[in-house]
Amino acid sequence: MPQRSWHPKKLLHSKWTAVVPQHREKHFIVVQVTANPDDAQKVEQVTLEAVLSKRHFTQHWSALADEMQWRVGWH
């Protein structure tokens, strides 16, 4: 299956649910999108904020495609 790509404007402020919550953090919002410096249409990293704790962490955008870890929206 081909890897889904996201447009930076659509990914920013999108909502995600952790399939296996840790530290009671289940719901997250994308608060920052880092684009490729050579191509602004290609996302490299995203910063997620936990709704409960307001904790931030950054990861490669493709980690969101892992259905064993993340689901789009809040469930």
N, C-alpha and C. Protein backbone atom coordinates (compact mmCIF):
# COMPACT_ATOMS: atom_id res chain seq x y z
N MET A 1 0.85 -1.18 0.00
CA MET A 1 0.00 0.00 0.00
C MET A 1 0.89 1.24 0.00
N PRO A 2 0.62 2.22 -0.89
CA PRO A 2 1.45 3.43 -0.91
C PRO A 2 1.22 4.26 0.34
N GLN A 3 2.27 4.96 0.74
CA GLN A 3 2.19 5.78 1.94
C GLN A 3 1.41 7.06 1.62
N ARG A 4 0.49 7.41 2.48
CA ARG A 4 -0.32 8.61 2.29
C ARG A 4 0.54 9.84 2.57
N SER A 5 0.37 10.86 1.74
CA SER A 5 1.08 12.11 2.00
C SER A 5 0.04 13.16 2.39
N TRP A 6 0.46 14.10 3.21
CA TRP A 6 -0.43 15.12 3.73
C TRP A 6 0.03 16.49 3.26
N HIS A 7 -0.91 17.32 2.91
CA HIS A 7 -0.59 18.71 2.61
C HIS A 7 -0.40 19.42 3.95
N PRO A 8 0.64 20.23 4.09
CA PRO A 8 0.93 20.88 5.38
C PRO A 8 -0.25 21.66 5.96
N LYS A 9 -1.02 22.34 5.12
CA LYS A 9 -2.15 23.12 5.63
C LYS A 9 -3.27 22.24 6.17
N LYS A 10 -3.45 21.06 5.60
CA LYS A 10 -4.49 20.15 6.09
C LYS A 10 -4.04 19.42 7.35
N LEU A 11 -2.77 19.18 7.47
CA LEU A 11 -2.24 18.45 8.63
C LEU A 11 -2.22 19.33 9.88
N LEU A 12 -1.93 20.61 9.72
CA LEU A 12 -1.88 21.54 10.85
C LEU A 12 -3.26 21.63 11.50
N HIS A 13 -3.30 21.49 12.81
CA HIS A 13 -4.52 21.53 13.64
C HIS A 13 -5.40 20.30 13.47
N SER A 14 -4.90 19.26 12.80
CA SER A 14 -5.69 18.04 12.70
C SER A 14 -5.67 17.31 14.04
N LYS A 15 -6.69 16.48 14.26
CA LYS A 15 -6.86 15.78 15.53
C LYS A 15 -6.52 14.31 15.34
N TRP A 16 -5.86 13.74 16.36
CA TRP A 16 -5.41 12.35 16.31
C TRP A 16 -5.69 11.67 17.64
N THR A 17 -5.94 10.36 17.58
CA THR A 17 -6.16 9.55 18.77
C THR A 17 -5.07 8.49 18.84
N ALA A 18 -4.43 8.39 20.00
CA ALA A 18 -3.44 7.33 20.21
C ALA A 18 -4.19 6.02 20.41
N VAL A 19 -3.81 4.99 19.68
CA VAL A 19 -4.45 3.68 19.81
C VAL A 19 -4.15 3.09 21.18
N VAL A 20 -2.92 3.25 21.65
CA VAL A 20 -2.52 2.78 22.98
C VAL A 20 -2.07 4.01 23.78
N PRO A 21 -2.99 4.62 24.53
CA PRO A 21 -2.63 5.83 25.29
C PRO A 21 -1.57 5.55 26.35
N GLN A 22 -0.71 6.53 26.56
CA GLN A 22 0.29 6.46 27.61
C GLN A 22 0.16 7.71 28.47
N HIS A 23 0.31 7.56 29.77
CA HIS A 23 0.19 8.67 30.72
C HIS A 23 -1.17 9.36 30.60
N ARG A 24 -2.22 8.58 30.33
CA ARG A 24 -3.59 9.08 30.18
C ARG A 24 -3.73 10.06 29.02
N GLU A 25 -2.75 10.11 28.13
CA GLU A 25 -2.80 11.00 26.97
C GLU A 25 -3.33 10.21 25.77
N LYS A 26 -4.53 10.53 25.36
CA LYS A 26 -5.17 9.81 24.27
C LYS A 26 -5.40 10.70 23.05
N HIS A 27 -5.82 11.94 23.28
CA HIS A 27 -6.15 12.85 22.19
C HIS A 27 -5.06 13.89 21.98
N PHE A 28 -4.75 14.12 20.70
CA PHE A 28 -3.65 15.02 20.33
C PHE A 28 -4.08 15.92 19.18
N ILE A 29 -3.43 17.09 19.12
CA ILE A 29 -3.63 18.04 18.03
C ILE A 29 -2.27 18.36 17.43
N VAL A 30 -2.20 18.40 16.10
CA VAL A 30 -0.96 18.81 15.43
C VAL A 30 -0.86 20.33 15.57
N VAL A 31 0.18 20.79 16.28
CA VAL A 31 0.35 22.22 16.53
C VAL A 31 1.44 22.86 15.68
N GLN A 32 2.28 22.03 15.06
CA GLN A 32 3.33 22.57 14.18
C GLN A 32 3.67 21.54 13.12
N VAL A 33 3.87 22.03 11.91
CA VAL A 33 4.27 21.19 10.79
C VAL A 33 5.58 21.75 10.24
N THR A 34 6.59 20.90 10.13
CA THR A 34 7.87 21.30 9.58
C THR A 34 7.98 20.74 8.17
N ALA A 35 8.10 21.64 7.20
CA ALA A 35 8.18 21.23 5.80
C ALA A 35 9.63 21.07 5.37
N ASN A 36 9.80 20.34 4.29
CA ASN A 36 11.11 20.16 3.67
C ASN A 36 11.59 21.52 3.18
N PRO A 37 12.82 21.93 3.53
CA PRO A 37 13.31 23.25 3.09
C PRO A 37 13.41 23.39 1.57
N ASP A 38 13.54 22.27 0.86
CA ASP A 38 13.64 22.32 -0.60
C ASP A 38 12.27 22.27 -1.28
N ASP A 39 11.26 21.77 -0.58
CA ASP A 39 9.92 21.64 -1.15
C ASP A 39 8.90 21.86 -0.04
N ALA A 40 8.31 23.04 0.00
CA ALA A 40 7.39 23.40 1.08
C ALA A 40 6.12 22.56 1.09
N GLN A 41 5.86 21.81 0.03
CA GLN A 41 4.67 20.96 -0.03
C GLN A 41 4.89 19.60 0.64
N LYS A 42 6.14 19.28 0.98
CA LYS A 42 6.45 17.99 1.59
C LYS A 42 6.69 18.16 3.09
N VAL A 43 5.89 17.46 3.87
CA VAL A 43 6.00 17.51 5.32
C VAL A 43 7.14 16.61 5.77
N GLU A 44 7.95 17.08 6.72
CA GLU A 44 9.01 16.25 7.29
C GLU A 44 8.67 15.82 8.70
N GLN A 45 8.28 16.77 9.55
CA GLN A 45 7.99 16.44 10.94
C GLN A 45 6.73 17.16 11.39
N VAL A 46 6.10 16.58 12.42
CA VAL A 46 4.94 17.21 13.04
C VAL A 46 5.17 17.28 14.54
N THR A 47 4.65 18.32 15.16
CA THR A 47 4.68 18.44 16.61
C THR A 47 3.25 18.27 17.09
N LEU A 48 3.07 17.30 17.98
CA LEU A 48 1.76 17.00 18.54
C LEU A 48 1.67 17.53 19.96
N GLU A 49 0.48 17.98 20.34
CA GLU A 49 0.23 18.43 21.70
C GLU A 49 -0.87 17.56 22.30
N ALA A 50 -0.60 16.99 23.47
CA ALA A 50 -1.60 16.21 24.17
C ALA A 50 -2.66 17.15 24.73
N VAL A 51 -3.92 16.85 24.48
CA VAL A 51 -5.00 17.72 24.94
C VAL A 51 -5.05 17.76 26.46
N LEU A 52 -4.85 16.63 27.11
CA LEU A 52 -4.95 16.54 28.57
C LEU A 52 -3.83 17.29 29.29
N SER A 53 -2.59 17.02 28.90
CA SER A 53 -1.44 17.53 29.65
C SER A 53 -0.74 18.72 28.98
N LYS A 54 -1.08 19.00 27.73
CA LYS A 54 -0.42 20.07 26.94
C LYS A 54 1.04 19.75 26.64
N ARG A 55 1.46 18.50 26.84
CA ARG A 55 2.83 18.08 26.54
C ARG A 55 3.01 18.04 25.02
N HIS A 56 4.18 18.49 24.55
CA HIS A 56 4.51 18.48 23.13
C HIS A 56 5.57 17.42 22.83
N PHE A 57 5.47 16.82 21.66
CA PHE A 57 6.56 16.00 21.16
C PHE A 57 6.54 16.04 19.64
N THR A 58 7.73 15.88 19.07
CA THR A 58 7.90 15.95 17.62
C THR A 58 8.28 14.58 17.09
N GLN A 59 7.71 14.24 15.94
CA GLN A 59 8.03 12.96 15.30
C GLN A 59 7.93 13.13 13.79
N HIS A 60 8.48 12.16 13.06
CA HIS A 60 8.39 12.17 11.61
C HIS A 60 6.92 12.02 11.24
N TRP A 61 6.47 12.74 10.24
CA TRP A 61 5.05 12.73 9.88
C TRP A 61 4.54 11.33 9.54
N SER A 62 5.40 10.48 8.99
CA SER A 62 4.94 9.16 8.55
C SER A 62 4.55 8.26 9.72
N ALA A 63 4.97 8.61 10.95
CA ALA A 63 4.56 7.83 12.11
C ALA A 63 3.04 7.88 12.28
N LEU A 64 2.40 8.96 11.82
CA LEU A 64 0.95 9.07 11.93
C LEU A 64 0.23 8.08 11.01
N ALA A 65 0.93 7.56 10.02
CA ALA A 65 0.33 6.59 9.10
C ALA A 65 0.26 5.19 9.71
N ASP A 66 0.93 4.97 10.83
CA ASP A 66 0.94 3.66 11.49
C ASP A 66 -0.38 3.46 12.23
N GLU A 67 -1.27 2.65 11.67
CA GLU A 67 -2.59 2.43 12.25
C GLU A 67 -2.55 1.67 13.58
N MET A 68 -1.41 1.11 13.91
CA MET A 68 -1.25 0.45 15.21
C MET A 68 -0.98 1.47 16.31
N GLN A 69 -0.63 2.71 15.93
CA GLN A 69 -0.33 3.76 16.91
C GLN A 69 -1.32 4.92 16.87
N TRP A 70 -1.80 5.28 15.66
CA TRP A 70 -2.60 6.50 15.51
C TRP A 70 -3.85 6.28 14.68
N ARG A 71 -4.92 7.01 15.04
CA ARG A 71 -6.14 7.07 14.24
C ARG A 71 -6.47 8.53 14.01
N VAL A 72 -6.92 8.85 12.80
CA VAL A 72 -7.30 10.23 12.48
C VAL A 72 -8.59 10.56 13.22
N GLY A 73 -8.65 11.75 13.81
CA GLY A 73 -9.84 12.19 14.54
C GLY A 73 -9.77 11.77 16.00
N TRP A 74 -10.81 12.12 16.73
CA TRP A 74 -10.88 11.75 18.15
C TRP A 74 -11.92 10.66 18.31
N HIS A 75 -11.48 9.55 18.90
CA HIS A 75 -12.37 8.39 19.06
C HIS A 75 -12.51 8.06 20.53
